[in-house]
Every structure is written in structure tokens, then in C-alpha cells.
């Protein structure tokens, strides 16, 4: 009977440790992947207009069908 109780306590402790680990990791804030300067440079390299000051992280492109004919 003592071995059974010890096994239950070990399983409960392990489960509690795993839950605590997942809870601690899920509340960590993630930093942004790219800075605003990197996003702006990438946008301008691809021929877009950076609108990050009006709409965060927004790069505007003009479609080929909307371009004016010469």
C-alpha cells in the first residue's frame, strides 16, 4: 500500500511541475520579430509605401491593374 501511495504522489508532483512550467512559459512576452526600421526598409525595397506612422506595421502596395498607363 505504501508503494502505491508513493507512486500517486510522484505522479501528482510530476504533473504539477509540468503544469507550472507551461504556465510560466505561456505568460512570457515575446519581442517583435522585426524592428520598425527593418520593416520600413523591406517595404521600400519591394516598392511599397511605408504607412507605419498611421497604421502600425503597414506597407501599402499599388496593384499593377491600378497603375496609370503612360
N, C-alpha and C. Protein backbone atom coordinates (compact mmCIF):
# COMPACT_ATOMS: atom_id res chain seq x y z
N UNK A 1 0.82 -1.19 0.00
CA UNK A 1 0.00 0.00 0.00
C UNK A 1 0.87 1.27 0.00
N UNK A 2 2.00 1.22 0.68
CA UNK A 2 2.89 2.39 0.76
C UNK A 2 3.49 2.70 -0.62
N UNK A 3 3.81 1.67 -1.39
CA UNK A 3 4.36 1.86 -2.72
C UNK A 3 3.34 2.53 -3.64
N UNK A 4 2.09 2.15 -3.53
CA UNK A 4 1.00 2.72 -4.32
C UNK A 4 0.84 4.21 -4.00
N UNK A 5 0.90 4.57 -2.73
CA UNK A 5 0.77 5.96 -2.30
C UNK A 5 1.95 6.79 -2.80
N UNK A 6 3.13 6.21 -2.73
CA UNK A 6 4.33 6.91 -3.20
C UNK A 6 4.25 7.16 -4.71
N UNK A 7 3.74 6.20 -5.45
CA UNK A 7 3.59 6.34 -6.90
C UNK A 7 2.58 7.44 -7.23
N UNK A 8 1.49 7.50 -6.51
CA UNK A 8 0.48 8.54 -6.73
C UNK A 8 1.07 9.92 -6.44
N UNK A 9 1.80 10.05 -5.35
CA UNK A 9 2.43 11.33 -5.01
C UNK A 9 3.47 11.74 -6.05
N UNK A 10 4.24 10.79 -6.55
CA UNK A 10 5.25 11.09 -7.58
C UNK A 10 4.58 11.57 -8.86
N UNK A 11 3.52 10.90 -9.27
CA UNK A 11 2.79 11.30 -10.47
C UNK A 11 2.15 12.68 -10.29
N UNK A 12 1.59 12.93 -9.14
CA UNK A 12 0.98 14.23 -8.88
C UNK A 12 2.03 15.34 -8.88
N UNK A 13 3.20 15.07 -8.30
CA UNK A 13 4.28 16.06 -8.28
C UNK A 13 4.79 16.34 -9.69
N UNK A 14 4.96 15.32 -10.48
CA UNK A 14 5.41 15.49 -11.86
C UNK A 14 4.39 16.27 -12.67
N UNK A 15 3.13 15.95 -12.52
CA UNK A 15 2.06 16.67 -13.23
C UNK A 15 2.04 18.14 -12.82
N UNK A 16 2.19 18.41 -11.55
CA UNK A 16 2.19 19.78 -11.05
C UNK A 16 3.40 20.55 -11.60
N UNK A 17 4.55 19.92 -11.68
CA UNK A 17 5.75 20.57 -12.22
C UNK A 17 5.58 20.90 -13.70
N UNK A 18 5.01 19.98 -14.46
CA UNK A 18 4.78 20.21 -15.89
C UNK A 18 3.78 21.35 -16.09
N UNK A 19 2.71 21.37 -15.33
CA UNK A 19 1.72 22.45 -15.42
C UNK A 19 2.33 23.80 -15.05
N UNK A 20 3.17 23.82 -14.05
CA UNK A 20 3.83 25.07 -13.64
C UNK A 20 4.77 25.57 -14.73
N UNK A 21 5.48 24.65 -15.38
CA UNK A 21 6.38 25.04 -16.46
C UNK A 21 5.61 25.64 -17.62
N UNK A 22 4.52 25.00 -18.04
CA UNK A 22 3.73 25.53 -19.15
C UNK A 22 3.08 26.86 -18.80
N UNK A 23 2.65 27.02 -17.58
CA UNK A 23 2.04 28.27 -17.16
C UNK A 23 3.07 29.39 -17.14
N UNK A 24 4.25 29.12 -16.66
CA UNK A 24 5.30 30.14 -16.60
C UNK A 24 5.75 30.54 -18.01
N UNK A 25 5.86 29.60 -18.91
CA UNK A 25 6.31 29.91 -20.27
C UNK A 25 5.24 30.61 -21.09
N UNK A 26 3.99 30.36 -20.80
CA UNK A 26 2.92 30.97 -21.59
C UNK A 26 2.69 32.43 -21.24
N UNK A 27 3.19 32.89 -20.10
CA UNK A 27 2.98 34.28 -19.72
C UNK A 27 4.16 35.17 -20.09
N UNK A 28 5.20 34.60 -20.72
CA UNK A 28 6.36 35.40 -21.13
C UNK A 28 6.01 36.23 -22.35
N UNK A 29 6.28 37.54 -22.34
CA UNK A 29 6.02 38.34 -23.53
C UNK A 29 7.08 38.08 -24.60
N UNK A 30 6.66 38.01 -25.84
CA UNK A 30 7.58 37.78 -26.94
C UNK A 30 7.92 39.11 -27.59
N UNK A 31 9.19 39.37 -27.84
CA UNK A 31 9.57 40.62 -28.51
C UNK A 31 9.18 40.54 -29.99
N UNK A 32 9.02 41.68 -30.65
CA UNK A 32 8.70 41.65 -32.08
C UNK A 32 9.84 41.04 -32.89
N UNK A 33 9.49 40.38 -33.97
CA UNK A 33 10.48 39.71 -34.81
C UNK A 33 11.37 40.73 -35.53
N UNK A 34 10.76 41.79 -36.07
CA UNK A 34 11.48 42.81 -36.80
C UNK A 34 11.22 44.17 -36.17
N UNK A 35 12.20 45.07 -36.23
CA UNK A 35 12.01 46.43 -35.74
C UNK A 35 11.27 47.23 -36.81
N UNK A 36 10.79 48.41 -36.43
CA UNK A 36 10.08 49.26 -37.38
C UNK A 36 11.00 49.69 -38.52
N UNK A 37 12.27 49.95 -38.22
CA UNK A 37 13.22 50.35 -39.26
C UNK A 37 13.45 49.23 -40.27
N UNK A 38 13.53 47.98 -39.79
CA UNK A 38 13.72 46.84 -40.70
C UNK A 38 12.49 46.63 -41.56
N UNK A 39 11.30 46.78 -40.99
CA UNK A 39 10.08 46.63 -41.76
C UNK A 39 9.96 47.71 -42.83
N UNK A 40 10.32 48.94 -42.46
CA UNK A 40 10.26 50.05 -43.42
C UNK A 40 11.24 49.82 -44.57
N UNK A 41 12.46 49.40 -44.26
CA UNK A 41 13.46 49.15 -45.30
C UNK A 41 13.01 48.03 -46.24
N UNK A 42 12.44 46.98 -45.69
CA UNK A 42 11.94 45.88 -46.51
C UNK A 42 10.80 46.33 -47.40
N UNK A 43 9.93 47.15 -46.87
CA UNK A 43 8.79 47.67 -47.64
C UNK A 43 9.28 48.51 -48.81
N UNK A 44 10.22 49.40 -48.53
CA UNK A 44 10.72 50.28 -49.58
C UNK A 44 11.53 49.52 -50.62
N UNK A 45 12.23 48.47 -50.22
CA UNK A 45 12.98 47.64 -51.18
C UNK A 45 12.05 46.96 -52.17
N UNK A 46 10.87 46.58 -51.68
CA UNK A 46 9.91 45.88 -52.54
C UNK A 46 9.00 46.85 -53.31
N UNK A 47 9.23 48.15 -53.17
CA UNK A 47 8.47 49.13 -53.95
C UNK A 47 7.18 49.58 -53.30
N UNK A 48 7.04 49.43 -52.02
CA UNK A 48 5.83 49.85 -51.33
C UNK A 48 6.00 51.20 -50.65
N UNK A 49 4.91 51.69 -50.07
CA UNK A 49 4.93 52.93 -49.31
C UNK A 49 4.71 52.58 -47.85
N UNK A 50 5.62 53.00 -47.00
CA UNK A 50 5.55 52.70 -45.58
C UNK A 50 4.50 53.57 -44.92
N UNK A 51 3.51 52.96 -44.30
CA UNK A 51 2.45 53.68 -43.59
C UNK A 51 2.47 53.34 -42.10
N UNK A 52 3.64 52.99 -41.60
CA UNK A 52 3.78 52.57 -40.21
C UNK A 52 3.46 53.66 -39.21
N UNK A 53 3.59 54.93 -39.61
CA UNK A 53 3.25 56.01 -38.68
C UNK A 53 1.74 56.20 -38.56
N UNK A 54 0.96 55.79 -39.55
CA UNK A 54 -0.50 55.89 -39.49
C UNK A 54 -1.14 54.59 -38.99
N UNK A 55 -0.73 53.49 -39.59
CA UNK A 55 -1.23 52.16 -39.23
C UNK A 55 0.01 51.32 -38.87
N UNK A 56 0.10 50.84 -37.65
CA UNK A 56 1.32 50.11 -37.25
C UNK A 56 1.64 48.93 -38.16
N UNK A 57 2.90 48.85 -38.57
CA UNK A 57 3.43 47.75 -39.38
C UNK A 57 2.74 47.58 -40.73
N UNK A 58 2.31 48.67 -41.35
CA UNK A 58 1.57 48.56 -42.61
C UNK A 58 2.40 49.07 -43.78
N UNK A 59 2.49 48.26 -44.81
CA UNK A 59 3.17 48.62 -46.06
C UNK A 59 2.13 48.58 -47.16
N UNK A 60 2.00 49.68 -47.89
CA UNK A 60 0.97 49.78 -48.92
C UNK A 60 1.59 49.54 -50.29
N UNK A 61 0.93 48.73 -51.10
CA UNK A 61 1.38 48.46 -52.46
C UNK A 61 0.29 48.86 -53.42
N UNK A 62 0.69 49.26 -54.65
CA UNK A 62 -0.28 49.57 -55.68
C UNK A 62 -0.29 48.40 -56.64
N UNK A 63 -1.48 47.94 -56.96
CA UNK A 63 -1.61 46.82 -57.88
C UNK A 63 -1.23 47.24 -59.30
N UNK A 64 -0.82 46.29 -60.09
CA UNK A 64 -0.46 46.57 -61.48
C UNK A 64 -1.67 47.04 -62.27
N UNK A 65 -2.86 46.53 -61.95
CA UNK A 65 -4.07 46.91 -62.69
C UNK A 65 -4.52 48.32 -62.35
N UNK A 66 -4.05 48.88 -61.24
CA UNK A 66 -4.44 50.23 -60.83
C UNK A 66 -3.42 51.29 -61.26
N UNK A 67 -2.30 50.85 -61.82
CA UNK A 67 -1.28 51.80 -62.23
C UNK A 67 -1.74 52.56 -63.47
N UNK A 68 -1.34 53.82 -63.53
CA UNK A 68 -1.74 54.64 -64.67
C UNK A 68 -0.92 54.27 -65.90
N UNK A 69 -1.58 54.28 -67.04
CA UNK A 69 -0.89 53.97 -68.29
C UNK A 69 -0.05 55.19 -68.71
N UNK A 70 1.12 54.97 -69.31
CA UNK A 70 1.95 56.11 -69.72
C UNK A 70 1.38 56.89 -70.88
